[in-house]
Amino acid sequence: MNNKIEILSPGKNCRKSKRIIFRIREYLKQQRIEADIIIVNDLKEMQKHKTWILPTVIINGKIVARGYKPAEDKILKNLNK
């Protein structure tokens, strides 16, 4: 199945967002899991998710973390295997 991870970010130069994306990519590579990671910084798109804490991590349509990298078990739990 195809996994989709969205990162709601204030901008492409946000250091916190970059760290979260890097750590999630490394974890997925380590676990040999494929997922599309999409950075969302469009205001209208962000408003669909009802959160103002950024960066926010959304895995397959479910918010799993606001302002921090989600725990590895939480990432796995929300991915389609």
PDB file of N, CA and C in Angstrom:
ATOM      1  N   MET A   1       0.835  -1.191   0.000  1.00  0.00           N
ATOM      2  CA  MET A   1       0.000   0.000   0.000  1.00  0.00           C
ATOM      3  C   MET A   1       0.877   1.250   0.000  1.00  0.00           C
ATOM      4  N   ASN A   2       0.317   2.324  -0.485  1.00  0.00           N
ATOM      5  CA  ASN A   2       1.053   3.574  -0.575  1.00  0.00           C
ATOM      6  C   ASN A   2       0.820   4.418   0.675  1.00  0.00           C
ATOM      7  N   ASN A   3       1.888   4.833   1.310  1.00  0.00           N
ATOM      8  CA  ASN A   3       1.806   5.666   2.504  1.00  0.00           C
ATOM      9  C   ASN A   3       2.066   7.117   2.140  1.00  0.00           C
ATOM     10  N   LYS A   4       1.340   8.002   2.790  1.00  0.00           N
ATOM     11  CA  LYS A   4       1.488   9.436   2.537  1.00  0.00           C
ATOM     12  C   LYS A   4       1.748  10.140   3.861  1.00  0.00           C
ATOM     13  N   ILE A   5       2.880  10.826   3.928  1.00  0.00           N
ATOM     14  CA  ILE A   5       3.229  11.596   5.118  1.00  0.00           C
ATOM     15  C   ILE A   5       3.274  13.062   4.713  1.00  0.00           C
ATOM     16  N   GLU A   6       2.432  13.862   5.363  1.00  0.00           N
ATOM     17  CA  GLU A   6       2.411  15.290   5.098  1.00  0.00           C
ATOM     18  C   GLU A   6       3.026  16.020   6.284  1.00  0.00           C
ATOM     19  N   ILE A   7       3.842  17.011   5.994  1.00  0.00           N
ATOM     20  CA  ILE A   7       4.430  17.853   7.026  1.00  0.00           C
ATOM     21  C   ILE A   7       3.905  19.264   6.788  1.00  0.00           C
ATOM     22  N   LEU A   8       3.065  19.746   7.696  1.00  0.00           N
ATOM     23  CA  LEU A   8       2.602  21.127   7.610  1.00  0.00           C
ATOM     24  C   LEU A   8       3.712  21.994   8.167  1.00  0.00           C
ATOM     25  N   SER A   9       4.229  22.881   7.341  1.00  0.00           N
ATOM     26  CA  SER A   9       5.420  23.650   7.701  1.00  0.00           C
ATOM     27  C   SER A   9       5.221  25.125   7.379  1.00  0.00           C
ATOM     28  N   PRO A  10       5.797  26.010   8.200  1.00  0.00           N
ATOM     29  CA  PRO A  10       5.682  27.438   7.902  1.00  0.00           C
ATOM     30  C   PRO A  10       6.466  27.848   6.657  1.00  0.00           C
ATOM     31  N   GLY A  11       7.389  27.036   6.195  1.00  0.00           N
ATOM     32  CA  GLY A  11       8.161  27.353   4.995  1.00  0.00           C
ATOM     33  C   GLY A  11       9.237  26.328   4.738  1.00  0.00           C
ATOM     34  N   LYS A  12       9.783  26.333   3.548  1.00  0.00           N
ATOM     35  CA  LYS A  12      10.799  25.353   3.174  1.00  0.00           C
ATOM     36  C   LYS A  12      12.106  25.547   3.927  1.00  0.00           C
ATOM     37  N   ASN A  13      12.327  26.724   4.501  1.00  0.00           N
ATOM     38  CA  ASN A  13      13.572  26.988   5.222  1.00  0.00           C
ATOM     39  C   ASN A  13      13.458  26.798   6.733  1.00  0.00           C
ATOM     40  N   CYS A  14      12.349  26.263   7.192  1.00  0.00           N
ATOM     41  CA  CYS A  14      12.143  26.035   8.629  1.00  0.00           C
ATOM     42  C   CYS A  14      13.080  24.919   9.103  1.00  0.00           C
ATOM     43  N   ARG A  15      13.978  25.243  10.013  1.00  0.00           N
ATOM     44  CA  ARG A  15      14.962  24.256  10.506  1.00  0.00           C
ATOM     45  C   ARG A  15      14.299  23.098  11.239  1.00  0.00           C
ATOM     46  N   LYS A  16      13.299  23.401  12.018  1.00  0.00           N
ATOM     47  CA  LYS A  16      12.621  22.353  12.776  1.00  0.00           C
ATOM     48  C   LYS A  16      11.947  21.357  11.827  1.00  0.00           C
ATOM     49  N   SER A  17      11.304  21.874  10.784  1.00  0.00           N
ATOM     50  CA  SER A  17      10.673  21.006   9.791  1.00  0.00           C
ATOM     51  C   SER A  17      11.718  20.147   9.087  1.00  0.00           C
ATOM     52  N   LYS A  18      12.846  20.746   8.725  1.00  0.00           N
ATOM     53  CA  LYS A  18      13.913  20.000   8.049  1.00  0.00           C
ATOM     54  C   LYS A  18      14.428  18.855   8.917  1.00  0.00           C
ATOM     55  N   ARG A  19      14.606  19.119  10.224  1.00  0.00           N
ATOM     56  CA  ARG A  19      15.084  18.066  11.142  1.00  0.00           C
ATOM     57  C   ARG A  19      14.072  16.925  11.233  1.00  0.00           C
ATOM     58  N   ILE A  20      12.800  17.279  11.345  1.00  0.00           N
ATOM     59  CA  ILE A  20      11.758  16.252  11.449  1.00  0.00           C
ATOM     60  C   ILE A  20      11.714  15.411  10.173  1.00  0.00           C
ATOM     61  N   ILE A  21      11.764  16.059   9.023  1.00  0.00           N
ATOM     62  CA  ILE A  21      11.736  15.347   7.737  1.00  0.00           C
ATOM     63  C   ILE A  21      12.940  14.423   7.618  1.00  0.00           C
ATOM     64  N   PHE A  22      14.125  14.926   7.963  1.00  0.00           N
ATOM     65  CA  PHE A  22      15.340  14.116   7.893  1.00  0.00           C
ATOM     66  C   PHE A  22      15.218  12.872   8.772  1.00  0.00           C
ATOM     67  N   ARG A  23      14.766  13.053  10.000  1.00  0.00           N
ATOM     68  CA  ARG A  23      14.662  11.915  10.933  1.00  0.00           C
ATOM     69  C   ARG A  23      13.612  10.906  10.489  1.00  0.00           C
ATOM     70  N   ILE A  24      12.497  11.391   9.954  1.00  0.00           N
ATOM     71  CA  ILE A  24      11.468  10.470   9.468  1.00  0.00           C
ATOM     72  C   ILE A  24      11.986   9.696   8.256  1.00  0.00           C
ATOM     73  N   ARG A  25      12.661  10.381   7.335  1.00  0.00           N
ATOM     74  CA  ARG A  25      13.220   9.701   6.153  1.00  0.00           C
ATOM     75  C   ARG A  25      14.232   8.634   6.562  1.00  0.00           C
ATOM     76  N   GLU A  26      15.104   8.962   7.512  1.00  0.00           N
ATOM     77  CA  GLU A  26      16.103   7.996   7.968  1.00  0.00           C
ATOM     78  C   GLU A  26      15.423   6.785   8.603  1.00  0.00           C
ATOM     79  N   TYR A  27      14.408   7.017   9.399  1.00  0.00           N
ATOM     80  CA  TYR A  27      13.708   5.910  10.049  1.00  0.00           C
ATOM     81  C   TYR A  27      13.020   5.025   9.011  1.00  0.00           C
ATOM     82  N   LEU A  28      12.360   5.638   8.026  1.00  0.00           N
ATOM     83  CA  LEU A  28      11.680   4.861   6.991  1.00  0.00           C
ATOM     84  C   LEU A  28      12.682   4.039   6.177  1.00  0.00           C
ATOM     85  N   LYS A  29      13.828   4.636   5.882  1.00  0.00           N
ATOM     86  CA  LYS A  29      14.858   3.919   5.134  1.00  0.00           C
ATOM     87  C   LYS A  29      15.367   2.733   5.950  1.00  0.00           C
ATOM     88  N   GLN A  30      15.563   2.948   7.227  1.00  0.00           N
ATOM     89  CA  GLN A  30      16.053   1.905   8.130  1.00  0.00           C
ATOM     90  C   GLN A  30      15.061   0.737   8.205  1.00  0.00           C
ATOM     91  N   GLN A  31      13.777   1.054   8.197  1.00  0.00           N
ATOM     92  CA  GLN A  31      12.724   0.037   8.291  1.00  0.00           C
ATOM     93  C   GLN A  31      12.314  -0.523   6.925  1.00  0.00           C
ATOM     94  N   ARG A  32      12.905   0.035   5.862  1.00  0.00           N
ATOM     95  CA  ARG A  32      12.577  -0.357   4.481  1.00  0.00           C
ATOM     96  C   ARG A  32      11.095  -0.173   4.180  1.00  0.00           C
ATOM     97  N   ILE A  33      10.593   0.985   4.530  1.00  0.00           N
ATOM     98  CA  ILE A  33       9.197   1.340   4.282  1.00  0.00           C
ATOM     99  C   ILE A  33       9.177   2.487   3.278  1.00  0.00           C
ATOM    100  N   GLU A  34       8.334   2.347   2.265  1.00  0.00           N
ATOM    101  CA  GLU A  34       8.196   3.405   1.271  1.00  0.00           C
ATOM    102  C   GLU A  34       7.037   4.314   1.651  1.00  0.00           C
ATOM    103  N   ALA A  35       7.277   5.611   1.507  1.00  0.00           N
ATOM    104  CA  ALA A  35       6.234   6.598   1.795  1.00  0.00           C
ATOM    105  C   ALA A  35       6.525   7.871   1.028  1.00  0.00           C
ATOM    106  N   ASP A  36       5.476   8.532   0.605  1.00  0.00           N
ATOM    107  CA  ASP A  36       5.609   9.839  -0.028  1.00  0.00           C
ATOM    108  C   ASP A  36       5.593  10.889   1.071  1.00  0.00           C
ATOM    109  N   ILE A  37       6.640  11.702   1.130  1.00  0.00           N
ATOM    110  CA  ILE A  37       6.706  12.784   2.109  1.00  0.00           C
ATOM    111  C   ILE A  37       6.441  14.091   1.383  1.00  0.00           C
ATOM    112  N   ILE A  38       5.396  14.770   1.802  1.00  0.00           N
ATOM    113  CA  ILE A  38       4.965  16.001   1.146  1.00  0.00           C
ATOM    114  C   ILE A  38       5.032  17.138   2.149  1.00  0.00           C
ATOM    115  N   ILE A  39       5.681  18.229   1.750  1.00  0.00           N
ATOM    116  CA  ILE A  39       5.743  19.421   2.596  1.00  0.00           C
ATOM    117  C   ILE A  39       4.614  20.350   2.170  1.00  0.00           C
ATOM    118  N   VAL A  40       3.757  20.680   3.122  1.00  0.00           N
ATOM    119  CA  VAL A  40       2.614  21.556   2.850  1.00  0.00           C
ATOM    120  C   VAL A  40       2.879  22.888   3.531  1.00  0.00           C
ATOM    121  N   ASN A  41       2.945  23.961   2.725  1.00  0.00           N
ATOM    122  CA  ASN A  41       3.115  25.283   3.317  1.00  0.00           C
ATOM    123  C   ASN A  41       2.103  26.284   2.759  1.00  0.00           C
ATOM    124  N   ASP A  42       1.075  25.764   2.106  1.00  0.00           N
ATOM    125  CA  ASP A  42      -0.011  26.583   1.601  1.00  0.00           C
ATOM    126  C   ASP A  42      -1.044  26.786   2.711  1.00  0.00           C
ATOM    127  N   LEU A  43      -1.369  28.023   3.011  1.00  0.00           N
ATOM    128  CA  LEU A  43      -2.257  28.348   4.128  1.00  0.00           C
ATOM    129  C   LEU A  43      -3.624  27.678   4.001  1.00  0.00           C
ATOM    130  N   LYS A  44      -4.212  27.696   2.819  1.00  0.00           N
ATOM    131  CA  LYS A  44      -5.543  27.091   2.631  1.00  0.00           C
ATOM    132  C   LYS A  44      -5.499  25.587   2.878  1.00  0.00           C
ATOM    133  N   GLU A  45      -4.424  24.968   2.446  1.00  0.00           N
ATOM    134  CA  GLU A  45      -4.275  23.530   2.660  1.00  0.00           C
ATOM    135  C   GLU A  45      -4.087  23.220   4.147  1.00  0.00           C
ATOM    136  N   MET A  46      -3.327  24.057   4.854  1.00  0.00           N
ATOM    137  CA  MET A  46      -3.108  23.852   6.295  1.00  0.00           C
ATOM    138  C   MET A  46      -4.399  24.012   7.084  1.00  0.00           C
ATOM    139  N   GLN A  47      -5.264  24.922   6.672  1.00  0.00           N
ATOM    140  CA  GLN A  47      -6.506  25.175   7.397  1.00  0.00           C
ATOM    141  C   GLN A  47      -7.445  23.974   7.373  1.00  0.00           C
ATOM    142  N   LYS A  48      -7.272  23.069   6.444  1.00  0.00           N
ATOM    143  CA  LYS A  48      -8.100  21.866   6.366  1.00  0.00           C
ATOM    144  C   LYS A  48      -7.859  20.938   7.552  1.00  0.00           C
ATOM    145  N   HIS A  49      -6.705  21.068   8.199  1.00  0.00           N
ATOM    146  CA  HIS A  49      -6.324  20.130   9.258  1.00  0.00           C
ATOM    147  C   HIS A  49      -6.560  20.643  10.669  1.00  0.00           C
ATOM    148  N   LYS A  50      -7.043  21.846  10.825  1.00  0.00           N
ATOM    149  CA  LYS A  50      -7.406  22.399  12.135  1.00  0.00           C
ATOM    150  C   LYS A  50      -6.277  22.318  13.166  1.00  0.00           C
ATOM    151  N   THR A  51      -5.122  22.803  12.788  1.00  0.00           N
ATOM    152  CA  THR A  51      -4.024  22.909  13.729  1.00  0.00           C
ATOM    153  C   THR A  51      -3.237  24.177  13.424  1.00  0.00           C
ATOM    154  N   TRP A  52      -2.756  24.813  14.465  1.00  0.00           N
ATOM    155  CA  TRP A  52      -1.942  26.011  14.281  1.00  0.00           C
ATOM    156  C   TRP A  52      -0.557  25.817  14.861  1.00  0.00           C
ATOM    157  N   ILE A  53      -0.257  24.633  15.331  1.00  0.00           N
ATOM    158  CA  ILE A  53       1.076  24.321  15.833  1.00  0.00           C
ATOM    159  C   ILE A  53       1.866  23.711  14.676  1.00  0.00           C
ATOM    160  N   LEU A  54       2.959  24.346  14.334  1.00  0.00           N
ATOM    161  CA  LEU A  54       3.759  23.878  13.208  1.00  0.00           C
ATOM    162  C   LEU A  54       5.170  23.539  13.661  1.00  0.00           C
ATOM    163  N   PRO A  55       5.819  22.600  13.056  1.00  0.00           N
ATOM    164  CA  PRO A  55       5.323  21.702  12.028  1.00  0.00           C
ATOM    165  C   PRO A  55       4.396  20.636  12.612  1.00  0.00           C
ATOM    166  N   THR A  56       3.453  20.197  11.786  1.00  0.00           N
ATOM    167  CA  THR A  56       2.533  19.130  12.152  1.00  0.00           C
ATOM    168  C   THR A  56       2.777  17.959  11.214  1.00  0.00           C
ATOM    169  N   VAL A  57       2.821  16.751  11.765  1.00  0.00           N
ATOM    170  CA  VAL A  57       3.049  15.542  10.974  1.00  0.00           C
ATOM    171  C   VAL A  57       1.725  14.790  10.840  1.00  0.00           C
ATOM    172  N   ILE A  58       1.351  14.529   9.595  1.00  0.00           N
ATOM    173  CA  ILE A  58       0.114  13.814   9.289  1.00  0.00           C
ATOM    174  C   ILE A  58       0.481  12.566   8.495  1.00  0.00           C
ATOM    175  N   ILE A  59       0.093  11.412   9.006  1.00  0.00           N
ATOM    176  CA  ILE A  59       0.384  10.155   8.326  1.00  0.00           C
ATOM    177  C   ILE A  59      -0.933   9.536   7.892  1.00  0.00           C
ATOM    178  N   ASN A  60      -1.073   9.346   6.584  1.00  0.00           N
ATOM    179  CA  ASN A  60      -2.278   8.758   5.998  1.00  0.00           C
ATOM    180  C   ASN A  60      -3.550   9.426   6.516  1.00  0.00           C
ATOM    181  N   GLY A  61      -3.528  10.759   6.576  1.00  0.00           N
ATOM    182  CA  GLY A  61      -4.704  11.534   6.946  1.00  0.00           C
ATOM    183  C   GLY A  61      -4.932  11.727   8.433  1.00  0.00           C
ATOM    184  N   LYS A  62      -4.065  11.170   9.275  1.00  0.00           N
ATOM    185  CA  LYS A  62      -4.237  11.291  10.726  1.00  0.00           C
ATOM    186  C   LYS A  62      -3.089  12.101  11.327  1.00  0.00           C
ATOM    187  N   ILE A  63      -3.428  13.106  12.131  1.00  0.00           N
ATOM    188  CA  ILE A  63      -2.401  13.912  12.801  1.00  0.00           C
ATOM    189  C   ILE A  63      -1.744  13.060  13.882  1.00  0.00           C
ATOM    190  N   VAL A  64      -0.410  12.920  13.792  1.00  0.00           N
ATOM    191  CA  VAL A  64       0.303  12.097  14.769  1.00  0.00           C
ATOM    192  C   VAL A  64       1.250  12.906  15.646  1.00  0.00           C
ATOM    193  N   ALA A  65       1.577  14.143  15.245  1.00  0.00           N
ATOM    194  CA  ALA A  65       2.463  14.974  16.066  1.00  0.00           C
ATOM    195  C   ALA A  65       2.300  16.439  15.680  1.00  0.00           C
ATOM    196  N   ARG A  66       2.365  17.297  16.689  1.00  0.00           N
ATOM    197  CA  ARG A  66       2.313  18.741  16.472  1.00  0.00           C
ATOM    198  C   ARG A  66       3.517  19.372  17.149  1.00  0.00           C
ATOM    199  N   GLY A  67       4.444  19.901  16.340  1.00  0.00           N
ATOM    200  CA  GLY A  67       5.593  20.609  16.885  1.00  0.00           C
ATOM    201  C   GLY A  67       6.804  19.751  17.194  1.00  0.00           C
ATOM    202  N   TYR A  68       6.730  18.454  16.950  1.00  0.00           N
ATOM    203  CA  TYR A  68       7.855  17.568  17.236  1.00  0.00           C
ATOM    204  C   TYR A  68       7.788  16.336  16.337  1.00  0.00           C
ATOM    205  N   LYS A  69       8.877  15.560  16.308  1.00  0.00           N
ATOM    206  CA  LYS A  69       8.901  14.307  15.547  1.00  0.00           C
ATOM    207  C   LYS A  69       8.134  13.253  16.338  1.00  0.00           C
ATOM    208  N   PRO A  70       7.228  12.547  15.672  1.00  0.00           N
ATOM    209  CA  PRO A  70       6.495  11.502  16.392  1.00  0.00           C
ATOM    210  C   PRO A  70       7.408  10.341  16.778  1.00  0.00           C
ATOM    211  N   ALA A  71       7.039   9.648  17.827  1.00  0.00           N
ATOM    212  CA  ALA A  71       7.796   8.470  18.257  1.00  0.00           C
ATOM    213  C   ALA A  71       7.751   7.412  17.153  1.00  0.00           C
ATOM    214  N   GLU A  72       8.785   6.594  17.082  1.00  0.00           N
ATOM    215  CA  GLU A  72       8.884   5.601  16.020  1.00  0.00           C
ATOM    216  C   GLU A  72       7.724   4.611  16.045  1.00  0.00           C
ATOM    217  N   ASP A  73       7.284   4.208  17.215  1.00  0.00           N
ATOM    218  CA  ASP A  73       6.155   3.277  17.280  1.00  0.00           C
ATOM    219  C   ASP A  73       4.862   3.929  16.783  1.00  0.00           C
ATOM    220  N   LYS A  74       4.732   5.218  16.985  1.00  0.00           N
ATOM    221  CA  LYS A  74       3.556   5.944  16.499  1.00  0.00           C
ATOM    222  C   LYS A  74       3.592   6.056  14.973  1.00  0.00           C
ATOM    223  N   ILE A  75       4.790   6.231  14.417  1.00  0.00           N
ATOM    224  CA  ILE A  75       4.931   6.264  12.949  1.00  0.00           C
ATOM    225  C   ILE A  75       4.500   4.918  12.377  1.00  0.00           C
ATOM    226  N   LEU A  76       5.060   3.841  12.912  1.00  0.00           N
ATOM    227  CA  LEU A  76       4.734   2.497  12.424  1.00  0.00           C
ATOM    228  C   LEU A  76       3.254   2.175  12.550  1.00  0.00           C
ATOM    229  N   LYS A  77       2.670   2.553  13.651  1.00  0.00           N
ATOM    230  CA  LYS A  77       1.261   2.268  13.922  1.00  0.00           C
ATOM    231  C   LYS A  77       0.343   2.870  12.850  1.00  0.00           C
ATOM    232  N   ASN A  78       0.723   4.035  12.319  1.00  0.00           N
ATOM    233  CA  ASN A  78      -0.131   4.736  11.380  1.00  0.00           C
ATOM    234  C   ASN A  78       0.205   4.488   9.918  1.00  0.00           C
ATOM    235  N   LEU A  79       1.243   3.731   9.646  1.00  0.00           N
ATOM    236  CA  LEU A  79       1.602   3.393   8.271  1.00  0.00           C
ATOM    237  C   LEU A  79       0.896   2.123   7.831  1.00  0.00           C
ATOM    238  N   ASN A  80       0.567   2.077   6.539  1.00  0.00           N
ATOM    239  CA  ASN A  80       0.022   0.839   5.952  1.00  0.00           C
ATOM    240  C   ASN A  80       1.189  -0.092   5.678  1.00  0.00           C
ATOM    241  N   LYS A  81       1.088  -1.289   6.140  1.00  0.00           N
ATOM    242  CA  LYS A  81       2.207  -2.229   5.963  1.00  0.00           C
ATOM    243  C   LYS A  81       1.980  -3.145   4.816  1.00  0.00           C
TER     244      LYS A  81
END
